[in-house]
Amino acid sequence: MPTDSIHILLITGPVGVGKSTVADEVFEILRKTSTPIALVNFDELTYASPLNNDPHGTKLGLKNLSAIWQNYYSLGIRNLIIPYVIEDQEEIERFRSSAPGSVISVVRLSASTKTLHERLRARQLGGSLEWHLERADELNSLYANNNLGNIIINTDNKTIHEVAEEVISTSLQSLIKPYKLDLAN
């Protein structure tokens, strides 16, 4: 079992806010600085059917994360970026249990309902649009009534790169100081 801790950056927020897209951009920025980092698309760890009393696949995803994070660790990677909808503090603790000794930072991305609906209409095809619109509203309401997230970043009227730079400067700057990343570029 590994003895030094890993840092997990959970990027959360309602559907349509840009969690996965921002996580990809954060990864690309940090990869260019030679920062040892991995991006885990948690949604991919949850896709299965039937899920048996696990409506969003979170339990399955956490089991899968528990099984794979040590592979990154063996490569010297101590920093994981994970985009995923987190609904409560207990869920964060379940992530910690899947990677014992981990230090977890939570960045919550936010956007207005109007922005979320515009983004969802632009990306969702087929019959799932209505579900996504309702889920975005439900999650926006949930987040408005709790303090989930160490850092909250509004994504309205910002580019993906601008949001990614804000994520790095507010939650990951200590990872990249040795590499002297110029965030102004």
Protein backbone atom coordinates (compact mmCIF):
# COMPACT_ATOMS: atom_id res chain seq x y z
CA MET A 1 0.00 0.00 0.00
CA PRO A 2 1.42 3.44 -0.93
CA THR A 3 2.59 5.59 1.95
CA ASP A 4 2.68 9.15 0.59
CA SER A 5 -0.60 10.85 -0.19
CA ILE A 6 -2.11 11.68 -3.51
CA HIS A 7 -4.02 14.84 -4.29
CA ILE A 8 -7.45 14.47 -5.87
CA LEU A 9 -9.04 17.49 -7.49
CA LEU A 10 -12.77 16.88 -7.79
CA ILE A 11 -14.35 19.23 -10.31
CA THR A 12 -18.08 19.25 -9.69
CA GLY A 13 -21.18 21.20 -10.61
CA PRO A 14 -24.48 20.69 -12.40
CA VAL A 15 -24.77 18.91 -15.72
CA GLY A 16 -23.88 21.24 -18.56
CA VAL A 17 -21.52 23.43 -16.53
CA GLY A 18 -18.39 22.11 -18.26
CA LYS A 19 -16.81 19.78 -15.68
CA SER A 20 -15.27 17.34 -18.16
CA THR A 21 -14.25 20.00 -20.66
CA VAL A 22 -12.56 22.12 -17.97
CA ALA A 23 -10.88 19.02 -16.50
CA ASP A 24 -9.48 18.20 -19.97
CA GLU A 25 -8.11 21.73 -20.29
CA VAL A 26 -6.58 21.70 -16.78
CA PHE A 27 -4.91 18.40 -17.66
CA GLU A 28 -3.54 19.77 -20.95
CA ILE A 29 -2.14 22.90 -19.28
CA LEU A 30 -0.45 20.89 -16.52
CA ARG A 31 0.79 18.17 -18.87
CA LYS A 32 2.71 20.83 -20.78
CA THR A 33 4.50 21.78 -17.55
CA SER A 34 5.60 18.18 -16.93
CA THR A 35 3.47 18.06 -13.79
CA PRO A 36 2.83 14.39 -12.93
CA ILE A 37 -0.95 14.26 -13.24
CA ALA A 38 -3.73 11.98 -14.45
CA LEU A 39 -7.26 12.71 -15.60
CA VAL A 40 -9.87 10.15 -14.60
CA ASN A 41 -13.21 10.53 -16.34
CA PHE A 42 -15.29 9.18 -13.49
CA ASP A 43 -18.41 8.87 -15.66
CA GLU A 44 -16.58 6.24 -17.70
CA LEU A 45 -16.04 4.23 -14.51
CA THR A 46 -19.79 4.18 -13.83
CA TYR A 47 -21.20 2.99 -17.16
CA ALA A 48 -22.88 -0.38 -16.67
CA SER A 49 -26.35 -1.80 -16.70
CA PRO A 50 -28.03 -2.88 -14.52
CA LEU A 51 -26.61 -0.85 -11.65
CA ASN A 52 -28.61 -2.55 -8.86
CA ASN A 53 -29.47 0.10 -6.24
CA ASP A 54 -26.77 2.47 -7.55
CA PRO A 55 -28.78 4.91 -9.71
CA HIS A 56 -25.84 7.02 -10.91
CA GLY A 57 -23.25 4.24 -10.75
CA THR A 58 -21.24 6.01 -8.05
CA LYS A 59 -20.61 2.87 -6.00
CA LEU A 60 -19.34 1.04 -9.07
CA GLY A 61 -17.21 4.03 -10.08
CA LEU A 62 -15.62 4.21 -6.63
CA LYS A 63 -14.78 0.49 -6.73
CA ASN A 64 -13.21 1.00 -10.14
CA LEU A 65 -11.27 4.05 -8.92
CA SER A 66 -10.01 2.03 -5.96
CA ALA A 67 -8.73 -0.60 -8.38
CA ILE A 68 -6.97 1.77 -10.81
CA TRP A 69 -5.49 4.69 -8.87
CA GLN A 70 -2.54 2.57 -7.76
CA ASN A 71 -1.57 2.13 -11.42
CA TYR A 72 -1.08 5.89 -11.69
CA TYR A 73 0.71 5.89 -8.34
CA SER A 74 3.20 3.29 -9.63
CA LEU A 75 4.11 5.76 -12.40
CA GLY A 76 4.93 8.46 -9.83
CA ILE A 77 1.66 10.30 -10.35
CA ARG A 78 0.30 11.76 -7.12
CA ASN A 79 -2.29 14.12 -8.62
CA LEU A 80 -5.65 13.06 -10.05
CA ILE A 81 -8.25 15.28 -11.68
CA ILE A 82 -11.75 13.83 -11.50
CA PRO A 83 -14.80 15.60 -12.96
CA TYR A 84 -18.07 14.35 -11.47
CA VAL A 85 -21.36 15.51 -9.99
CA ILE A 86 -20.86 15.46 -6.21
CA GLU A 87 -24.06 15.98 -4.23
CA ASP A 88 -22.88 15.92 -0.61
CA GLN A 89 -19.91 15.78 1.76
CA GLU A 90 -20.40 12.05 2.36
CA GLU A 91 -19.75 11.41 -1.31
CA ILE A 92 -16.42 13.23 -1.02
CA GLU A 93 -15.50 10.97 1.90
CA ARG A 94 -16.30 7.93 -0.23
CA PHE A 95 -13.76 9.19 -2.78
CA ARG A 96 -11.20 9.48 0.03
CA SER A 97 -11.92 5.87 1.03
CA SER A 98 -11.29 4.72 -2.53
CA ALA A 99 -7.83 6.28 -2.45
CA PRO A 100 -6.67 5.95 1.18
CA GLY A 101 -4.56 8.85 2.44
CA SER A 102 -5.66 11.15 -0.36
CA VAL A 103 -6.01 14.89 0.05
CA ILE A 104 -9.13 16.11 -1.73
CA SER A 105 -9.89 19.56 -3.09
CA VAL A 106 -13.31 20.29 -4.50
CA VAL A 107 -13.85 22.97 -7.12
CA ARG A 108 -17.49 23.60 -7.92
CA LEU A 109 -18.24 25.15 -11.28
CA SER A 110 -21.42 27.19 -11.49
CA ALA A 111 -23.46 28.87 -14.21
CA SER A 112 -26.85 30.46 -14.54
CA THR A 113 -29.81 28.25 -15.44
CA LYS A 114 -30.00 30.06 -18.79
CA THR A 115 -26.36 29.22 -19.57
CA LEU A 116 -26.75 25.59 -18.50
CA HIS A 117 -29.84 25.16 -20.67
CA GLU A 118 -28.11 26.76 -23.69
CA ARG A 119 -25.10 24.47 -23.30
CA LEU A 120 -27.25 21.38 -22.87
CA ARG A 121 -29.38 22.22 -25.93
CA ALA A 122 -26.18 22.59 -27.95
CA ARG A 123 -24.75 19.23 -26.89
CA GLN A 124 -27.60 16.83 -26.05
CA LEU A 125 -29.14 14.84 -28.84
CA GLY A 126 -32.16 12.61 -28.72
CA GLY A 127 -34.48 11.90 -25.85
CA SER A 128 -32.10 12.67 -22.99
CA LEU A 129 -32.33 16.47 -23.34
CA GLU A 130 -35.35 16.86 -21.07
CA TRP A 131 -33.74 14.70 -18.37
CA HIS A 132 -30.54 16.76 -18.54
CA LEU A 133 -32.43 20.07 -18.36
CA GLU A 134 -34.36 18.88 -15.29
CA ARG A 135 -31.21 17.48 -13.68
CA ALA A 136 -29.37 20.79 -14.26
CA ASP A 137 -32.18 22.66 -12.50
CA GLU A 138 -32.24 20.13 -9.64
CA LEU A 139 -28.48 20.37 -9.11
CA ASN A 140 -28.40 24.16 -9.39
CA SER A 141 -30.98 24.26 -6.61
CA LEU A 142 -29.06 21.73 -4.52
CA TYR A 143 -25.81 23.69 -4.84
CA ALA A 144 -27.52 26.98 -4.03
CA ASN A 145 -28.56 25.50 -0.69
CA ASN A 146 -25.23 23.99 0.43
CA ASN A 147 -21.59 24.93 0.77
CA LEU A 148 -20.19 22.10 -1.29
CA GLY A 149 -16.80 22.96 -2.75
CA ASN A 150 -13.64 24.55 -1.40
CA ILE A 151 -13.71 26.94 -4.33
CA ILE A 152 -16.64 28.06 -6.49
CA ILE A 153 -15.96 29.33 -10.00
CA ASN A 154 -18.68 30.88 -12.13
CA THR A 155 -18.31 29.84 -15.77
CA ASP A 156 -20.79 32.28 -17.33
CA ASN A 157 -19.17 34.31 -20.14
CA LYS A 158 -15.74 32.69 -19.68
CA THR A 159 -13.78 30.54 -22.08
CA ILE A 160 -12.82 27.03 -21.13
CA HIS A 161 -9.20 28.12 -20.93
CA GLU A 162 -10.06 31.01 -18.58
CA VAL A 163 -11.95 28.67 -16.25
CA ALA A 164 -9.11 26.11 -16.34
CA GLU A 165 -6.56 28.81 -15.46
CA GLU A 166 -8.78 29.88 -12.55
CA VAL A 167 -9.00 26.27 -11.34
CA ILE A 168 -5.22 26.00 -11.44
CA SER A 169 -4.53 29.36 -9.83
CA THR A 170 -7.01 28.78 -7.00
CA SER A 171 -6.50 25.11 -6.23
CA LEU A 172 -3.44 23.66 -7.96
CA GLN A 173 -0.84 26.42 -8.09
CA SER A 174 1.40 24.58 -5.61
CA LEU A 175 1.72 21.69 -8.06
CA ILE A 176 3.22 23.84 -10.79
CA LYS A 177 5.43 26.36 -8.99
CA PRO A 178 8.58 24.35 -9.77
CA TYR A 179 7.72 24.60 -13.45
CA LYS A 180 7.13 28.39 -13.47
CA LEU A 181 3.97 28.21 -15.52
CA ASP A 182 3.00 31.59 -16.89
CA LEU A 183 -0.78 31.61 -16.58
CA ALA A 184 -0.99 34.93 -18.43
CA ASN A 185 -0.28 33.18 -21.75
